[in-house]
N, C-alpha and C. Protein backbone atom coordinates (compact mmCIF):
# COMPACT_ATOMS: atom_id res chain seq x y z
N MET A 1 0.84 -1.17 0.00
CA MET A 1 0.00 0.00 0.00
C MET A 1 0.88 1.24 0.00
N LYS A 2 0.67 2.13 -0.97
CA LYS A 2 1.47 3.33 -1.09
C LYS A 2 0.91 4.40 -0.17
N ALA A 3 1.82 5.05 0.57
CA ALA A 3 1.40 6.11 1.48
C ALA A 3 1.00 7.35 0.68
N LYS A 4 -0.03 8.03 1.17
CA LYS A 4 -0.46 9.28 0.55
C LYS A 4 0.43 10.40 1.03
N ASP A 5 0.49 11.47 0.24
CA ASP A 5 1.23 12.65 0.69
C ASP A 5 0.53 13.23 1.91
N PRO A 6 1.29 13.72 2.88
CA PRO A 6 0.66 14.27 4.07
C PRO A 6 -0.13 15.55 3.76
N VAL A 7 -1.15 15.78 4.55
CA VAL A 7 -1.95 16.99 4.46
C VAL A 7 -1.41 17.94 5.53
N THR A 8 -1.11 19.17 5.14
CA THR A 8 -0.57 20.14 6.09
C THR A 8 -1.64 21.16 6.44
N ILE A 9 -1.85 21.34 7.73
CA ILE A 9 -2.84 22.29 8.22
C ILE A 9 -2.25 23.09 9.38
N SER A 10 -2.93 24.17 9.73
CA SER A 10 -2.49 24.97 10.87
C SER A 10 -3.10 24.40 12.15
N ALA A 11 -2.52 24.75 13.27
CA ALA A 11 -3.06 24.32 14.56
C ALA A 11 -4.48 24.85 14.73
N GLU A 12 -4.73 26.06 14.26
CA GLU A 12 -6.07 26.64 14.35
C GLU A 12 -7.07 25.82 13.53
N GLU A 13 -6.68 25.42 12.32
CA GLU A 13 -7.54 24.58 11.47
C GLU A 13 -7.85 23.26 12.16
N LEU A 14 -6.85 22.68 12.80
CA LEU A 14 -7.06 21.43 13.53
C LEU A 14 -8.05 21.64 14.68
N ARG A 15 -7.88 22.73 15.41
CA ARG A 15 -8.77 23.00 16.54
C ARG A 15 -10.22 23.14 16.07
N VAL A 16 -10.43 23.83 14.98
CA VAL A 16 -11.78 24.07 14.48
C VAL A 16 -12.41 22.80 13.90
N ASN A 17 -11.60 21.97 13.25
CA ASN A 17 -12.13 20.79 12.53
C ASN A 17 -11.52 19.49 13.03
N LEU A 18 -11.30 19.38 14.33
CA LEU A 18 -10.64 18.22 14.90
C LEU A 18 -11.33 16.91 14.51
N SER A 19 -12.61 16.84 14.66
CA SER A 19 -13.33 15.60 14.37
C SER A 19 -13.13 15.16 12.92
N ASN A 20 -13.21 16.11 12.00
CA ASN A 20 -13.01 15.81 10.58
C ASN A 20 -11.62 15.22 10.33
N TYR A 21 -10.59 15.86 10.88
CA TYR A 21 -9.23 15.37 10.65
C TYR A 21 -8.96 14.04 11.34
N LEU A 22 -9.53 13.83 12.51
CA LEU A 22 -9.38 12.53 13.16
C LEU A 22 -10.00 11.43 12.31
N GLY A 23 -11.15 11.71 11.73
CA GLY A 23 -11.80 10.74 10.85
C GLY A 23 -10.94 10.44 9.63
N ARG A 24 -10.33 11.47 9.06
CA ARG A 24 -9.47 11.26 7.89
C ARG A 24 -8.26 10.40 8.24
N VAL A 25 -7.73 10.60 9.44
CA VAL A 25 -6.58 9.79 9.87
C VAL A 25 -7.04 8.37 10.15
N MET A 26 -8.13 8.22 10.87
CA MET A 26 -8.61 6.89 11.27
C MET A 26 -9.09 6.05 10.10
N TYR A 27 -9.89 6.65 9.22
CA TYR A 27 -10.56 5.86 8.20
C TYR A 27 -9.90 5.92 6.82
N ALA A 28 -9.26 7.04 6.50
CA ALA A 28 -8.61 7.17 5.19
C ALA A 28 -7.10 6.97 5.31
N ASP A 29 -6.64 6.74 6.53
CA ASP A 29 -5.22 6.50 6.79
C ASP A 29 -4.35 7.65 6.28
N GLU A 30 -4.89 8.88 6.40
CA GLU A 30 -4.11 10.04 6.00
C GLU A 30 -3.13 10.43 7.10
N MET A 31 -2.09 11.11 6.69
CA MET A 31 -1.11 11.65 7.62
C MET A 31 -1.33 13.16 7.64
N ILE A 32 -1.50 13.73 8.82
CA ILE A 32 -1.76 15.16 8.96
C ILE A 32 -0.56 15.82 9.64
N VAL A 33 0.02 16.80 8.97
CA VAL A 33 1.11 17.59 9.55
C VAL A 33 0.47 18.88 10.06
N VAL A 34 0.66 19.15 11.35
CA VAL A 34 0.07 20.34 11.97
C VAL A 34 1.19 21.36 12.17
N GLN A 35 0.93 22.57 11.66
CA GLN A 35 1.92 23.64 11.80
C GLN A 35 1.48 24.64 12.86
N LYS A 36 2.46 25.14 13.57
CA LYS A 36 2.22 26.21 14.53
C LYS A 36 3.26 27.27 14.22
N TYR A 37 2.82 28.49 14.06
CA TYR A 37 3.71 29.60 13.66
C TYR A 37 4.43 29.28 12.36
N ASN A 38 3.68 28.67 11.42
CA ASN A 38 4.19 28.30 10.09
C ASN A 38 5.37 27.34 10.12
N ARG A 39 5.48 26.58 11.19
CA ARG A 39 6.53 25.55 11.29
C ARG A 39 5.86 24.24 11.63
N ASP A 40 6.36 23.14 11.06
CA ASP A 40 5.82 21.82 11.38
C ASP A 40 5.98 21.58 12.87
N ALA A 41 4.88 21.23 13.52
CA ALA A 41 4.89 21.03 14.97
C ALA A 41 4.69 19.56 15.33
N VAL A 42 3.67 18.94 14.77
CA VAL A 42 3.38 17.54 15.06
C VAL A 42 2.82 16.87 13.81
N VAL A 43 2.87 15.54 13.84
CA VAL A 43 2.28 14.74 12.77
C VAL A 43 1.29 13.79 13.42
N ILE A 44 0.11 13.72 12.85
CA ILE A 44 -0.92 12.81 13.36
C ILE A 44 -1.03 11.65 12.37
N VAL A 45 -0.84 10.42 12.89
CA VAL A 45 -0.96 9.23 12.06
C VAL A 45 -1.81 8.20 12.79
N SER A 46 -2.37 7.29 12.04
CA SER A 46 -3.17 6.22 12.63
C SER A 46 -2.24 5.20 13.29
N PRO A 47 -2.77 4.42 14.23
CA PRO A 47 -1.96 3.35 14.82
C PRO A 47 -1.45 2.37 13.76
N ARG A 48 -2.25 2.12 12.73
CA ARG A 48 -1.86 1.22 11.64
C ARG A 48 -0.64 1.77 10.90
N MET A 49 -0.67 3.07 10.60
CA MET A 49 0.46 3.68 9.89
C MET A 49 1.69 3.74 10.79
N LEU A 50 1.50 4.02 12.06
CA LEU A 50 2.62 4.05 12.99
C LEU A 50 3.30 2.69 13.04
N LYS A 51 2.50 1.63 13.07
CA LYS A 51 3.07 0.27 13.09
C LYS A 51 3.88 0.02 11.82
N ARG A 52 3.34 0.43 10.66
CA ARG A 52 4.06 0.25 9.40
C ARG A 52 5.40 1.01 9.43
N LEU A 53 5.38 2.22 9.95
CA LEU A 53 6.60 3.01 10.03
C LEU A 53 7.63 2.36 10.95
N ILE A 54 7.17 1.87 12.10
CA ILE A 54 8.07 1.21 13.05
C ILE A 54 8.61 -0.08 12.44
N ASP A 55 7.74 -0.87 11.80
CA ASP A 55 8.19 -2.12 11.18
C ASP A 55 9.22 -1.85 10.08
N ALA A 56 8.98 -0.81 9.27
CA ALA A 56 9.92 -0.47 8.20
C ALA A 56 11.26 -0.06 8.78
N ASN A 57 11.22 0.70 9.87
CA ASN A 57 12.46 1.12 10.52
C ASN A 57 13.22 -0.07 11.09
N GLN A 58 12.50 -1.00 11.71
CA GLN A 58 13.16 -2.19 12.27
C GLN A 58 13.74 -3.05 11.17
N ALA A 59 13.02 -3.19 10.06
CA ALA A 59 13.53 -3.99 8.93
C ALA A 59 14.80 -3.35 8.39
N THR A 60 14.81 -2.03 8.29
CA THR A 60 16.00 -1.33 7.81
C THR A 60 17.16 -1.55 8.77
N SER A 61 16.90 -1.49 10.07
CA SER A 61 17.95 -1.73 11.06
C SER A 61 18.48 -3.15 10.97
N GLU A 62 17.57 -4.11 10.79
CA GLU A 62 17.98 -5.51 10.67
C GLU A 62 18.80 -5.72 9.40
N ASP A 63 18.39 -5.09 8.29
CA ASP A 63 19.15 -5.20 7.05
C ASP A 63 20.55 -4.62 7.24
N ARG A 64 20.62 -3.46 7.89
CA ARG A 64 21.92 -2.83 8.13
C ARG A 64 22.80 -3.71 8.99
N ASP A 65 22.23 -4.27 10.07
CA ASP A 65 23.00 -5.14 10.96
C ASP A 65 23.49 -6.39 10.23
N ALA A 66 22.63 -6.97 9.39
CA ALA A 66 23.02 -8.16 8.63
C ALA A 66 24.13 -7.81 7.64
N ALA A 67 24.02 -6.65 6.99
CA ALA A 67 25.06 -6.24 6.05
C ALA A 67 26.39 -6.02 6.77
N LEU A 68 26.34 -5.43 7.96
CA LEU A 68 27.57 -5.23 8.73
C LEU A 68 28.19 -6.55 9.15
N ARG A 69 27.36 -7.52 9.53
CA ARG A 69 27.89 -8.84 9.87
C ARG A 69 28.56 -9.49 8.67
N ARG A 70 27.92 -9.37 7.49
CA ARG A 70 28.50 -9.95 6.27
C ARG A 70 29.82 -9.25 5.94
N LEU A 71 29.85 -7.92 6.12
CA LEU A 71 31.08 -7.18 5.85
C LEU A 71 32.19 -7.62 6.80
N ASP A 72 31.84 -7.82 8.06
CA ASP A 72 32.82 -8.29 9.04
C ASP A 72 33.36 -9.67 8.65
N THR A 73 32.46 -10.56 8.23
CA THR A 73 32.87 -11.89 7.78
C THR A 73 33.78 -11.78 6.56
N LEU A 74 33.40 -10.93 5.64
CA LEU A 74 34.18 -10.75 4.42
C LEU A 74 35.58 -10.24 4.74
N THR A 75 35.70 -9.27 5.64
CA THR A 75 37.03 -8.74 5.96
C THR A 75 37.91 -9.79 6.63
N ARG A 76 37.30 -10.71 7.36
CA ARG A 76 38.09 -11.80 7.95
C ARG A 76 38.53 -12.80 6.89
N GLU A 77 37.72 -12.95 5.81
CA GLU A 77 38.05 -13.90 4.76
C GLU A 77 39.16 -13.41 3.84
N ILE A 78 39.38 -12.12 3.82
CA ILE A 78 40.38 -11.57 2.91
C ILE A 78 41.67 -11.31 3.71
N PRO A 79 42.58 -12.28 3.67
CA PRO A 79 43.86 -12.07 4.38
C PRO A 79 44.66 -10.96 3.69
N ARG A 80 45.43 -10.27 4.45
CA ARG A 80 46.25 -9.18 3.90
C ARG A 80 47.26 -9.73 2.88
N ASN A 81 47.21 -9.16 1.67
CA ASN A 81 48.16 -9.46 0.59
C ASN A 81 48.16 -10.91 0.11
N ASP A 82 47.25 -11.75 0.55
CA ASP A 82 47.24 -13.15 0.11
C ASP A 82 46.41 -13.36 -1.15
N LEU A 83 45.49 -12.45 -1.42
CA LEU A 83 44.60 -12.64 -2.58
C LEU A 83 44.88 -11.57 -3.63
N SER A 84 44.64 -11.95 -4.87
CA SER A 84 44.79 -10.98 -5.96
C SER A 84 43.56 -10.07 -5.97
N GLU A 85 43.66 -8.99 -6.73
CA GLU A 85 42.52 -8.09 -6.86
C GLU A 85 41.31 -8.81 -7.46
N VAL A 86 41.57 -9.70 -8.39
CA VAL A 86 40.50 -10.46 -9.03
C VAL A 86 39.80 -11.34 -8.00
N GLU A 87 40.56 -12.02 -7.16
CA GLU A 87 39.96 -12.89 -6.13
C GLU A 87 39.17 -12.07 -5.11
N ILE A 88 39.70 -10.92 -4.74
CA ILE A 88 38.98 -10.05 -3.80
C ILE A 88 37.69 -9.57 -4.45
N SER A 89 37.77 -9.18 -5.72
CA SER A 89 36.58 -8.74 -6.45
C SER A 89 35.53 -9.85 -6.51
N GLN A 90 35.98 -11.08 -6.73
CA GLN A 90 35.04 -12.21 -6.78
C GLN A 90 34.36 -12.43 -5.42
N LEU A 91 35.12 -12.29 -4.33
CA LEU A 91 34.53 -12.43 -2.99
C LEU A 91 33.49 -11.34 -2.74
N VAL A 92 33.84 -10.13 -3.11
CA VAL A 92 32.90 -9.01 -2.92
C VAL A 92 31.66 -9.23 -3.75
N ASP A 93 31.82 -9.64 -5.01
CA ASP A 93 30.67 -9.91 -5.89
C ASP A 93 29.77 -10.98 -5.29
N ARG A 94 30.38 -12.03 -4.73
CA ARG A 94 29.60 -13.11 -4.11
C ARG A 94 28.75 -12.57 -2.96
N GLU A 95 29.35 -11.71 -2.14
CA GLU A 95 28.61 -11.16 -1.01
C GLU A 95 27.51 -10.22 -1.46
N VAL A 96 27.78 -9.43 -2.47
CA VAL A 96 26.76 -8.52 -3.01
C VAL A 96 25.57 -9.33 -3.52
N LYS A 97 25.84 -10.40 -4.25
CA LYS A 97 24.77 -11.26 -4.76
C LYS A 97 23.97 -11.89 -3.62
N ALA A 98 24.67 -12.28 -2.57
CA ALA A 98 23.98 -12.89 -1.42
C ALA A 98 23.05 -11.89 -0.76
N VAL A 99 23.50 -10.66 -0.59
CA VAL A 99 22.66 -9.62 0.03
C VAL A 99 21.47 -9.32 -0.86
N ARG A 100 21.71 -9.18 -2.16
CA ARG A 100 20.61 -8.89 -3.08
C ARG A 100 19.58 -10.01 -3.12
N SER A 101 20.04 -11.25 -3.04
CA SER A 101 19.10 -12.37 -3.08
C SER A 101 18.23 -12.40 -1.83
N GLN A 102 18.73 -11.91 -0.71
CA GLN A 102 17.92 -11.84 0.50
C GLN A 102 16.84 -10.79 0.38
N LYS A 103 17.15 -9.68 -0.29
CA LYS A 103 16.18 -8.59 -0.45
C LYS A 103 15.16 -8.89 -1.53
N HIS A 104 15.60 -9.61 -2.58
CA HIS A 104 14.73 -9.87 -3.73
C HIS A 104 14.80 -11.36 -4.08
N PRO A 105 14.19 -12.22 -3.25
CA PRO A 105 14.26 -13.66 -3.53
C PRO A 105 13.51 -14.05 -4.79
């Protein structure tokens, strides 16, 4: 599901039409950016959207951690001056393919 562009409103607009905007967040899964003094102050999102954002952030963190572990393994596999540039390139290519296959099975 593709996220919609956020709707930006003033704090005064939110105060006057709170029920309307809450309904839009709850039922249409809209994201509302509330500005105060012409600056973004808060964002209102549904619990469903918040969960998606948290899950996406955790997945990104897990991907990063897995990539760092693979990089650590790779650096241990490449002894100093023992491999040619071609062999090092082949090892790196193998790891890149492994990471890509995890993301796009």
